[in-house]
Amino acid sequence: MPLNTSKTFSLKIEEIALEKNITHMDAVLWYCEKYEIEIETGAKLINTIIKKKIEAEAAEMNCLKEKSAKLPV
């Protein structure tokens, strides 16, 4: 049952991430694969909150480039 609004899609992604104990990015990929939705279509439905969570997860896994130099603390 594909969801067609950003709000409902993002709520479902949150639910999947918690239920399956996976990252939000993995939840988006899992949902798109299960319902045969193009990844680009799923990406358009992601709201700002989920985008920030995906970015935070990626930063935690050192998958993002540093935007500015920081001194180690």
C-alpha atoms as a PDB file:
ATOM      1  CA  MET A   1       0.000   0.000   0.000  1.00  0.00           C
ATOM      2  CA  PRO A   2       2.142   2.916  -1.209  1.00  0.00           C
ATOM      3  CA  LEU A   3       1.641   6.211   0.573  1.00  0.00           C
ATOM      4  CA  ASN A   4       1.350   9.301  -1.548  1.00  0.00           C
ATOM      5  CA  THR A   5       1.809  12.195   0.868  1.00  0.00           C
ATOM      6  CA  SER A   6       5.012  13.317   2.528  1.00  0.00           C
ATOM      7  CA  LYS A   7       3.474  13.170   6.001  1.00  0.00           C
ATOM      8  CA  THR A   8       2.082   9.635   5.737  1.00  0.00           C
ATOM      9  CA  PHE A   9       5.198   8.344   3.985  1.00  0.00           C
ATOM     10  CA  SER A  10       7.486   9.795   6.629  1.00  0.00           C
ATOM     11  CA  LEU A  11       5.360   8.413   9.465  1.00  0.00           C
ATOM     12  CA  LYS A  12       5.539   4.975   7.878  1.00  0.00           C
ATOM     13  CA  ILE A  13       9.329   5.266   7.509  1.00  0.00           C
ATOM     14  CA  GLU A  14       9.596   6.161  11.215  1.00  0.00           C
ATOM     15  CA  GLU A  15       7.454   3.145  12.082  1.00  0.00           C
ATOM     16  CA  ILE A  16       9.524   0.771   9.928  1.00  0.00           C
ATOM     17  CA  ALA A  17      12.833   2.079  11.319  1.00  0.00           C
ATOM     18  CA  LEU A  18      11.680   1.506  14.894  1.00  0.00           C
ATOM     19  CA  GLU A  19       9.950  -1.812  14.222  1.00  0.00           C
ATOM     20  CA  LYS A  20      12.862  -3.366  12.324  1.00  0.00           C
ATOM     21  CA  ASN A  21      15.591  -1.557  14.294  1.00  0.00           C
ATOM     22  CA  ILE A  22      17.204  -0.238  11.096  1.00  0.00           C
ATOM     23  CA  THR A  23      18.351   3.185   9.924  1.00  0.00           C
ATOM     24  CA  HIS A  24      15.913   5.576   8.317  1.00  0.00           C
ATOM     25  CA  MET A  25      17.762   5.254   4.999  1.00  0.00           C
ATOM     26  CA  ASP A  26      17.390   1.474   5.149  1.00  0.00           C
ATOM     27  CA  ALA A  27      13.714   1.903   6.015  1.00  0.00           C
ATOM     28  CA  VAL A  28      13.182   4.082   2.915  1.00  0.00           C
ATOM     29  CA  LEU A  29      15.005   1.569   0.720  1.00  0.00           C
ATOM     30  CA  TRP A  30      13.093  -1.367   2.257  1.00  0.00           C
ATOM     31  CA  TYR A  31       9.733   0.360   1.739  1.00  0.00           C
ATOM     32  CA  CYS A  32      10.491   1.325  -1.854  1.00  0.00           C
ATOM     33  CA  GLU A  33      11.668  -2.191  -2.673  1.00  0.00           C
ATOM     34  CA  LYS A  34       8.670  -3.854  -1.017  1.00  0.00           C
ATOM     35  CA  TYR A  35       6.113  -1.704  -2.845  1.00  0.00           C
ATOM     36  CA  GLU A  36       8.101  -1.425  -6.089  1.00  0.00           C
ATOM     37  CA  ILE A  37       8.453   2.337  -5.877  1.00  0.00           C
ATOM     38  CA  GLU A  38      11.274   4.119  -7.675  1.00  0.00           C
ATOM     39  CA  ILE A  39      13.866   5.390  -5.201  1.00  0.00           C
ATOM     40  CA  GLU A  40      13.581   8.858  -6.749  1.00  0.00           C
ATOM     41  CA  THR A  41       9.837   8.866  -6.037  1.00  0.00           C
ATOM     42  CA  GLY A  42      10.426   7.821  -2.441  1.00  0.00           C
ATOM     43  CA  ALA A  43      13.074  10.521  -2.057  1.00  0.00           C
ATOM     44  CA  LYS A  44      10.557  13.171  -3.095  1.00  0.00           C
ATOM     45  CA  LEU A  45       8.201  12.042  -0.328  1.00  0.00           C
ATOM     46  CA  ILE A  46      10.742  12.328   2.503  1.00  0.00           C
ATOM     47  CA  ASN A  47      10.059  15.285   4.791  1.00  0.00           C
ATOM     48  CA  THR A  48      12.642  17.528   6.459  1.00  0.00           C
ATOM     49  CA  ILE A  49      12.591  15.621   9.753  1.00  0.00           C
ATOM     50  CA  ILE A  50      13.467  12.307   8.084  1.00  0.00           C
ATOM     51  CA  LYS A  51      16.129  14.026   5.942  1.00  0.00           C
ATOM     52  CA  LYS A  52      17.786  15.382   9.094  1.00  0.00           C
ATOM     53  CA  LYS A  53      17.662  11.949  10.740  1.00  0.00           C
ATOM     54  CA  ILE A  54      19.211  10.317   7.656  1.00  0.00           C
ATOM     55  CA  GLU A  55      21.928  13.001   7.622  1.00  0.00           C
ATOM     56  CA  ALA A  56      22.638  12.460  11.338  1.00  0.00           C
ATOM     57  CA  GLU A  57      22.860   8.687  10.855  1.00  0.00           C
ATOM     58  CA  ALA A  58      25.222   9.161   7.909  1.00  0.00           C
ATOM     59  CA  ALA A  59      27.401  11.567   9.902  1.00  0.00           C
ATOM     60  CA  GLU A  60      27.529   9.090  12.791  1.00  0.00           C
ATOM     61  CA  MET A  61      28.777   6.417  10.383  1.00  0.00           C
ATOM     62  CA  ASN A  62      31.345   8.872   8.921  1.00  0.00           C
ATOM     63  CA  CYS A  63      29.693   8.765   5.497  1.00  0.00           C
ATOM     64  CA  LEU A  64      29.630  12.553   5.047  1.00  0.00           C
ATOM     65  CA  LYS A  65      32.429  14.930   4.171  1.00  0.00           C
ATOM     66  CA  GLU A  66      33.311  17.478   6.811  1.00  0.00           C
ATOM     67  CA  LYS A  67      31.840  20.874   5.985  1.00  0.00           C
ATOM     68  CA  SER A  68      34.384  22.770   8.055  1.00  0.00           C
ATOM     69  CA  ALA A  69      37.550  21.973   9.872  1.00  0.00           C
ATOM     70  CA  LYS A  70      37.088  21.173  13.548  1.00  0.00           C
ATOM     71  CA  LEU A  71      39.660  20.699  16.218  1.00  0.00           C
ATOM     72  CA  PRO A  72      39.454  17.368  17.996  1.00  0.00           C
ATOM     73  CA  VAL A  73      37.938  17.688  21.439  1.00  0.00           C
END
